[in-house]
Structure formats: C-alpha cells, structure tokens
Amino acid sequence: MATTDPQHDATAGITQSSSTTSSSVRSSATAGVASEIVVYGTPWCGDCHRARRVFAQLAVAYRYVDIEHDEAASHLVLRLNAGMRRVPTITFPDGSTLVEPRTVELEARLAPFVPA
C-alpha cells in the first residue's frame, strides 16, 4: 500500500493518511471492496472520534482516511451515501459498510476482528 504521508500507531493498529493514493482506496472506489477496515471521517466529527475510540478499546486494526484531505475518498463517501457526506463511513473487507453506527452496532460488527 502506498501513501504519501502515513503515520502508523502500532499500539492501536491505526494507520492514518492525510493524502491517500493507495490501491485499496482506488479499488474501493471502483469495486466497493477493500482488503482492510477503513474509517472515512473528518477531524471535527464527534461520531468519528467515538467510532475510533471503539476501535481502540477493542484493539481492532483499521486505516483512517480524512476525507477533507483526500478527494478520492470524499467522492467514495458521497457515492456510498447517495450523494450525502455522512461520516464516519466504515468499509469492511467483505465490501459491507456501516454509516454513522451506534456504539453497540459498531461493537457487534467488529467482534470478528477483535484479536484473541
């Protein structure tokens, strides 16, 4: 995966990119499927912060993409949400998505990804 300015937090399993050019985002944009869990969000979004806390509490690895700094990701979020910029939009390896999930809904969806 190639990113222009990645920051990786090994303790939380988070990879951040302010400008992503990865094939995962491109394949998601064209096929709707990524090889990892990706959280699309914005820095000012309270629901995005809450979702990221859930990932950290469960120690589930994911990649965070700030859609304010990634035009392709912003277009993907619009496409996935019928033209609406709804965040967090979370994509899973099987091609499914969660949009603005409640905590309990996110915890249930992440259960298979919690490390043993």
N, C-alpha and C. Protein backbone atom coordinates (compact mmCIF):
# COMPACT_ATOMS: atom_id res chain seq x y z
N MET A 1 0.84 -1.16 0.00
CA MET A 1 0.00 0.00 0.00
C MET A 1 0.89 1.22 0.00
N ALA A 2 0.65 2.16 -0.89
CA ALA A 2 1.47 3.37 -0.98
C ALA A 2 0.67 4.57 -0.50
N THR A 3 1.20 5.28 0.45
CA THR A 3 0.59 6.52 0.90
C THR A 3 1.65 7.59 0.87
N THR A 4 1.24 8.83 0.72
CA THR A 4 2.22 9.90 0.59
C THR A 4 2.76 10.37 1.91
N ASP A 5 1.98 10.27 2.98
CA ASP A 5 2.45 10.74 4.28
C ASP A 5 1.81 9.93 5.40
N PRO A 6 2.12 8.63 5.51
CA PRO A 6 1.44 7.82 6.52
C PRO A 6 2.05 8.03 7.90
N GLN A 7 1.19 7.87 8.90
CA GLN A 7 1.62 7.83 10.30
C GLN A 7 1.00 6.58 10.87
N HIS A 8 1.81 5.71 11.47
CA HIS A 8 1.27 4.46 11.99
C HIS A 8 1.44 4.42 13.50
N ASP A 9 0.34 4.14 14.19
CA ASP A 9 0.34 3.99 15.63
C ASP A 9 0.25 2.50 15.91
N ALA A 10 1.39 1.86 16.17
CA ALA A 10 1.44 0.41 16.33
C ALA A 10 0.65 -0.07 17.52
N THR A 11 0.50 0.75 18.57
CA THR A 11 -0.20 0.30 19.76
C THR A 11 -1.69 0.18 19.53
N ALA A 12 -2.24 0.97 18.64
CA ALA A 12 -3.68 0.92 18.42
C ALA A 12 -4.03 0.28 17.08
N GLY A 13 -3.06 -0.06 16.26
CA GLY A 13 -3.35 -0.66 14.97
C GLY A 13 -3.98 0.31 14.00
N ILE A 14 -3.59 1.57 14.09
CA ILE A 14 -4.20 2.61 13.26
C ILE A 14 -3.17 3.10 12.25
N THR A 15 -3.57 3.16 11.01
CA THR A 15 -2.74 3.81 10.01
C THR A 15 -3.51 5.02 9.54
N GLN A 16 -2.87 6.18 9.61
CA GLN A 16 -3.51 7.41 9.18
C GLN A 16 -2.83 7.91 7.92
N SER A 17 -3.61 8.55 7.08
CA SER A 17 -3.06 9.16 5.90
C SER A 17 -3.86 10.40 5.58
N SER A 18 -3.18 11.51 5.42
CA SER A 18 -3.88 12.73 5.07
C SER A 18 -4.05 12.83 3.56
N SER A 19 -3.23 12.15 2.80
CA SER A 19 -3.33 12.15 1.35
C SER A 19 -3.08 10.73 0.88
N THR A 20 -4.13 9.99 0.64
CA THR A 20 -4.01 8.59 0.33
C THR A 20 -4.09 8.35 -1.17
N THR A 21 -3.16 7.57 -1.67
CA THR A 21 -3.18 7.18 -3.08
C THR A 21 -3.15 5.67 -3.19
N SER A 22 -3.59 4.98 -2.16
CA SER A 22 -3.45 3.53 -2.12
C SER A 22 -4.38 2.85 -3.09
N SER A 23 -3.97 1.65 -3.48
CA SER A 23 -4.82 0.85 -4.35
C SER A 23 -6.09 0.43 -3.63
N SER A 24 -6.04 0.36 -2.28
CA SER A 24 -7.23 0.00 -1.52
C SER A 24 -8.34 1.02 -1.73
N VAL A 25 -7.98 2.31 -1.68
CA VAL A 25 -9.00 3.34 -1.89
C VAL A 25 -9.47 3.30 -3.33
N ARG A 26 -8.55 3.13 -4.28
CA ARG A 26 -8.95 3.07 -5.68
C ARG A 26 -9.85 1.86 -5.93
N SER A 27 -9.48 0.70 -5.39
CA SER A 27 -10.32 -0.47 -5.62
C SER A 27 -11.66 -0.31 -4.92
N SER A 28 -11.67 0.34 -3.75
CA SER A 28 -12.94 0.61 -3.08
C SER A 28 -13.80 1.52 -3.94
N ALA A 29 -13.18 2.52 -4.52
CA ALA A 29 -13.93 3.47 -5.33
C ALA A 29 -14.52 2.80 -6.56
N THR A 30 -13.82 1.81 -7.11
CA THR A 30 -14.32 1.17 -8.32
C THR A 30 -15.10 -0.09 -8.03
N ALA A 31 -14.68 -0.86 -7.03
CA ALA A 31 -15.33 -2.14 -6.78
C ALA A 31 -16.11 -2.18 -5.47
N GLY A 32 -15.89 -1.20 -4.58
CA GLY A 32 -16.59 -1.19 -3.31
C GLY A 32 -16.01 -2.17 -2.30
N VAL A 33 -14.79 -2.68 -2.54
CA VAL A 33 -14.20 -3.67 -1.65
C VAL A 33 -12.77 -3.25 -1.31
N ALA A 34 -12.41 -3.32 -0.03
CA ALA A 34 -11.04 -3.05 0.41
C ALA A 34 -10.51 -4.29 1.10
N SER A 35 -9.20 -4.37 1.26
CA SER A 35 -8.62 -5.53 1.92
C SER A 35 -8.45 -5.32 3.42
N GLU A 36 -8.95 -4.21 3.92
CA GLU A 36 -8.82 -3.86 5.33
C GLU A 36 -10.05 -3.04 5.75
N ILE A 37 -10.18 -2.84 7.05
CA ILE A 37 -11.24 -1.95 7.54
C ILE A 37 -10.75 -0.53 7.36
N VAL A 38 -11.58 0.30 6.76
CA VAL A 38 -11.22 1.70 6.54
C VAL A 38 -12.31 2.58 7.15
N VAL A 39 -11.88 3.54 7.96
CA VAL A 39 -12.79 4.52 8.55
C VAL A 39 -12.58 5.83 7.82
N TYR A 40 -13.62 6.30 7.13
CA TYR A 40 -13.58 7.59 6.45
C TYR A 40 -14.24 8.59 7.38
N GLY A 41 -13.54 9.66 7.68
CA GLY A 41 -14.08 10.64 8.62
C GLY A 41 -13.50 12.01 8.43
N THR A 42 -13.79 12.87 9.40
CA THR A 42 -13.26 14.23 9.43
C THR A 42 -12.80 14.52 10.86
N PRO A 43 -11.85 15.45 11.02
CA PRO A 43 -11.33 15.73 12.36
C PRO A 43 -12.35 16.38 13.30
N TRP A 44 -13.35 17.04 12.76
CA TRP A 44 -14.31 17.77 13.58
C TRP A 44 -15.54 16.92 13.96
N CYS A 45 -15.62 15.70 13.47
CA CYS A 45 -16.81 14.85 13.65
C CYS A 45 -16.76 14.09 14.97
N GLY A 46 -17.69 14.38 15.86
CA GLY A 46 -17.77 13.70 17.14
C GLY A 46 -18.04 12.21 17.00
N ASP A 47 -18.89 11.82 16.06
CA ASP A 47 -19.17 10.40 15.84
C ASP A 47 -17.93 9.66 15.34
N CYS A 48 -17.08 10.35 14.57
CA CYS A 48 -15.82 9.75 14.10
C CYS A 48 -14.90 9.49 15.28
N HIS A 49 -14.80 10.44 16.19
CA HIS A 49 -13.97 10.27 17.38
C HIS A 49 -14.48 9.10 18.23
N ARG A 50 -15.79 9.02 18.37
CA ARG A 50 -16.39 7.93 19.16
C ARG A 50 -16.10 6.59 18.51
N ALA A 51 -16.27 6.50 17.19
CA ALA A 51 -16.01 5.24 16.48
C ALA A 51 -14.55 4.84 16.63
N ARG A 52 -13.65 5.78 16.54
CA ARG A 52 -12.22 5.48 16.67
C ARG A 52 -11.89 5.01 18.09
N ARG A 53 -12.59 5.53 19.08
CA ARG A 53 -12.40 5.05 20.46
C ARG A 53 -12.83 3.59 20.58
N VAL A 54 -13.92 3.24 19.92
CA VAL A 54 -14.39 1.85 19.95
C VAL A 54 -13.33 0.93 19.33
N PHE A 55 -12.79 1.32 18.19
CA PHE A 55 -11.72 0.53 17.57
C PHE A 55 -10.55 0.37 18.53
N ALA A 56 -10.15 1.45 19.19
CA ALA A 56 -9.01 1.41 20.12
C ALA A 56 -9.33 0.51 21.32
N GLN A 57 -10.52 0.63 21.88
CA GLN A 57 -10.90 -0.18 23.04
C GLN A 57 -10.91 -1.67 22.70
N LEU A 58 -11.30 -2.00 21.48
CA LEU A 58 -11.36 -3.40 21.06
C LEU A 58 -10.05 -3.87 20.43
N ALA A 59 -9.09 -2.96 20.26
CA ALA A 59 -7.79 -3.27 19.65
C ALA A 59 -7.92 -3.83 18.24
N VAL A 60 -8.86 -3.27 17.48
CA VAL A 60 -9.08 -3.70 16.09
C VAL A 60 -8.32 -2.74 15.17
N ALA A 61 -7.50 -3.31 14.30
CA ALA A 61 -6.72 -2.51 13.35
C ALA A 61 -7.63 -1.95 12.26
N TYR A 62 -7.32 -0.73 11.84
CA TYR A 62 -8.06 -0.09 10.77
C TYR A 62 -7.20 1.01 10.18
N ARG A 63 -7.64 1.51 9.04
CA ARG A 63 -6.97 2.65 8.42
C ARG A 63 -7.95 3.82 8.45
N TYR A 64 -7.47 4.97 8.88
CA TYR A 64 -8.28 6.18 8.94
C TYR A 64 -7.95 7.06 7.75
N VAL A 65 -8.98 7.56 7.08
CA VAL A 65 -8.80 8.48 5.96
C VAL A 65 -9.62 9.73 6.23
N ASP A 66 -8.95 10.86 6.29
CA ASP A 66 -9.60 12.16 6.47
C ASP A 66 -10.11 12.62 5.11
N ILE A 67 -11.42 12.60 4.93
CA ILE A 67 -11.99 12.92 3.62
C ILE A 67 -11.86 14.39 3.26
N GLU A 68 -11.51 15.22 4.22
CA GLU A 68 -11.28 16.63 3.89
C GLU A 68 -9.95 16.83 3.18
N HIS A 69 -9.06 15.84 3.26
CA HIS A 69 -7.75 15.94 2.63
C HIS A 69 -7.53 14.90 1.55
N ASP A 70 -8.57 14.15 1.22
CA ASP A 70 -8.45 13.10 0.21
C ASP A 70 -9.68 13.16 -0.69
N GLU A 71 -9.50 13.75 -1.85
CA GLU A 71 -10.63 13.97 -2.76
C GLU A 71 -11.27 12.66 -3.23
N ALA A 72 -10.44 11.66 -3.53
CA ALA A 72 -10.99 10.37 -3.98
C ALA A 72 -11.83 9.73 -2.88
N ALA A 73 -11.35 9.81 -1.65
CA ALA A 73 -12.10 9.25 -0.52
C ALA A 73 -13.40 10.03 -0.30
N SER A 74 -13.35 11.33 -0.45
CA SER A 74 -14.55 12.15 -0.31
C SER A 74 -15.60 11.74 -1.35
N HIS A 75 -15.16 11.52 -2.58
CA HIS A 75 -16.09 11.07 -3.64
C HIS A 75 -16.65 9.69 -3.34
N LEU A 76 -15.81 8.82 -2.78
CA LEU A 76 -16.27 7.48 -2.41
C LEU A 76 -17.37 7.57 -1.35
N VAL A 77 -17.17 8.39 -0.33
CA VAL A 77 -18.18 8.57 0.72
C VAL A 77 -19.48 9.09 0.11
N LEU A 78 -19.38 10.04 -0.79
CA LEU A 78 -20.58 10.57 -1.46
C LEU A 78 -21.29 9.47 -2.25
N ARG A 79 -20.52 8.65 -2.95
CA ARG A 79 -21.10 7.57 -3.75
C ARG A 79 -21.78 6.53 -2.87
N LEU A 80 -21.13 6.18 -1.77
CA LEU A 80 -21.68 5.16 -0.88
C LEU A 80 -22.92 5.63 -0.13
N ASN A 81 -23.08 6.94 -0.02
CA ASN A 81 -24.18 7.50 0.79
C ASN A 81 -25.15 8.34 -0.03
N ALA A 82 -25.39 7.92 -1.27
CA ALA A 82 -26.38 8.56 -2.13
C ALA A 82 -26.20 10.07 -2.21
N GLY A 83 -24.94 10.49 -2.35
CA GLY A 83 -24.65 11.91 -2.51
C GLY A 83 -24.52 12.70 -1.22
N MET A 84 -24.64 12.02 -0.09
CA MET A 84 -24.53 12.71 1.21
C MET A 84 -23.15 12.45 1.80
N ARG A 85 -22.59 13.46 2.44
CA ARG A 85 -21.26 13.36 3.07
C ARG A 85 -21.46 12.93 4.52
N ARG A 86 -21.75 11.64 4.73
CA ARG A 86 -22.02 11.12 6.06
C ARG A 86 -20.79 10.41 6.60
N VAL A 87 -20.37 10.83 7.78
CA VAL A 87 -19.20 10.23 8.43
C VAL A 87 -19.51 9.95 9.89
N PRO A 88 -18.92 8.92 10.45
CA PRO A 88 -17.99 8.03 9.78
C PRO A 88 -18.70 7.07 8.83
N THR A 89 -18.03 6.82 7.72
CA THR A 89 -18.41 5.74 6.83
C THR A 89 -17.30 4.71 6.97
N ILE A 90 -17.67 3.51 7.33
CA ILE A 90 -16.69 2.46 7.62
C ILE A 90 -16.90 1.32 6.63
N THR A 91 -15.82 0.97 5.91
CA THR A 91 -15.90 -0.13 4.95
C THR A 91 -15.14 -1.34 5.50
N PHE A 92 -15.64 -2.52 5.17
CA PHE A 92 -15.08 -3.77 5.66
C PHE A 92 -14.56 -4.61 4.50
N PRO A 93 -13.66 -5.55 4.78
CA PRO A 93 -13.07 -6.37 3.72
C PRO A 93 -14.08 -7.12 2.85
N ASP A 94 -15.25 -7.42 3.40
CA ASP A 94 -16.26 -8.14 2.61
C ASP A 94 -17.09 -7.21 1.72
N GLY A 95 -16.77 -5.90 1.75
CA GLY A 95 -17.49 -4.95 0.91
C GLY A 95 -18.65 -4.27 1.61
N SER A 96 -18.98 -4.70 2.83
CA SER A 96 -20.08 -4.08 3.56
C SER A 96 -19.63 -2.75 4.15
N THR A 97 -20.60 -1.93 4.52
CA THR A 97 -20.32 -0.63 5.12
C THR A 97 -21.22 -0.38 6.32
N LEU A 98 -20.72 0.43 7.23
CA LEU A 98 -21.52 0.99 8.32
C LEU A 98 -21.39 2.50 8.20
N VAL A 99 -22.51 3.19 8.35
CA VAL A 99 -22.50 4.64 8.27
C VAL A 99 -23.11 5.20 9.54
N GLU A 100 -22.34 6.05 10.21
CA GLU A 100 -22.77 6.67 11.46
C GLU A 100 -23.35 5.63 12.43
N PRO A 101 -22.60 4.54 12.67
CA PRO A 101 -23.16 3.48 13.51
C PRO A 101 -23.23 3.87 14.98
N ARG A 102 -24.22 3.32 15.67
CA ARG A 102 -24.27 3.45 17.12
C ARG A 102 -23.16 2.60 17.69
N THR A 103 -22.74 2.88 18.91
CA THR A 103 -21.64 2.15 19.54
C THR A 103 -21.92 0.66 19.58
N VAL A 104 -23.09 0.26 20.01
CA VAL A 104 -23.43 -1.16 20.13
C VAL A 104 -23.40 -1.84 18.76
N GLU A 105 -23.85 -1.16 17.74
CA GLU A 105 -23.84 -1.70 16.37
C GLU A 105 -22.39 -1.88 15.89
N LEU A 106 -21.54 -0.91 16.14
CA LEU A 106 -20.14 -0.99 15.74
C LEU A 106 -19.42 -2.10 16.50
N GLU A 107 -19.66 -2.19 17.79
CA GLU A 107 -19.03 -3.26 18.59
C GLU A 107 -19.40 -4.64 18.06
N ALA A 108 -20.67 -4.82 17.72
CA ALA A 108 -21.12 -6.11 17.19
C ALA A 108 -20.47 -6.42 15.85
N ARG A 109 -20.37 -5.42 15.00
CA ARG A 109 -19.76 -5.64 13.67
C ARG A 109 -18.26 -5.91 13.76
N LEU A 110 -17.61 -5.33 14.77
CA LEU A 110 -16.17 -5.51 14.94
C LEU A 110 -15.80 -6.80 15.69
N ALA A 111 -16.76 -7.45 16.30
CA ALA A 111 -16.47 -8.65 17.11
C ALA A 111 -15.60 -9.68 16.40
N PRO A 112 -15.83 -9.99 15.11
CA PRO A 112 -14.99 -10.98 14.44
C PRO A 112 -13.54 -10.52 14.24
N PHE A 113 -13.28 -9.23 14.39
CA PHE A 113 -11.95 -8.69 14.14
C PHE A 113 -11.15 -8.45 15.43
N VAL A 114 -11.77 -8.70 16.57
CA VAL A 114 -11.08 -8.49 17.86
C VAL A 114 -10.00 -9.55 18.01
N PRO A 115 -8.75 -9.12 18.28
CA PRO A 115 -7.67 -10.11 18.44
C PRO A 115 -7.93 -11.02 19.63
N ALA A 116 -7.50 -12.26 19.49
CA ALA A 116 -7.70 -13.25 20.56
C ALA A 116 -6.80 -12.98 21.73
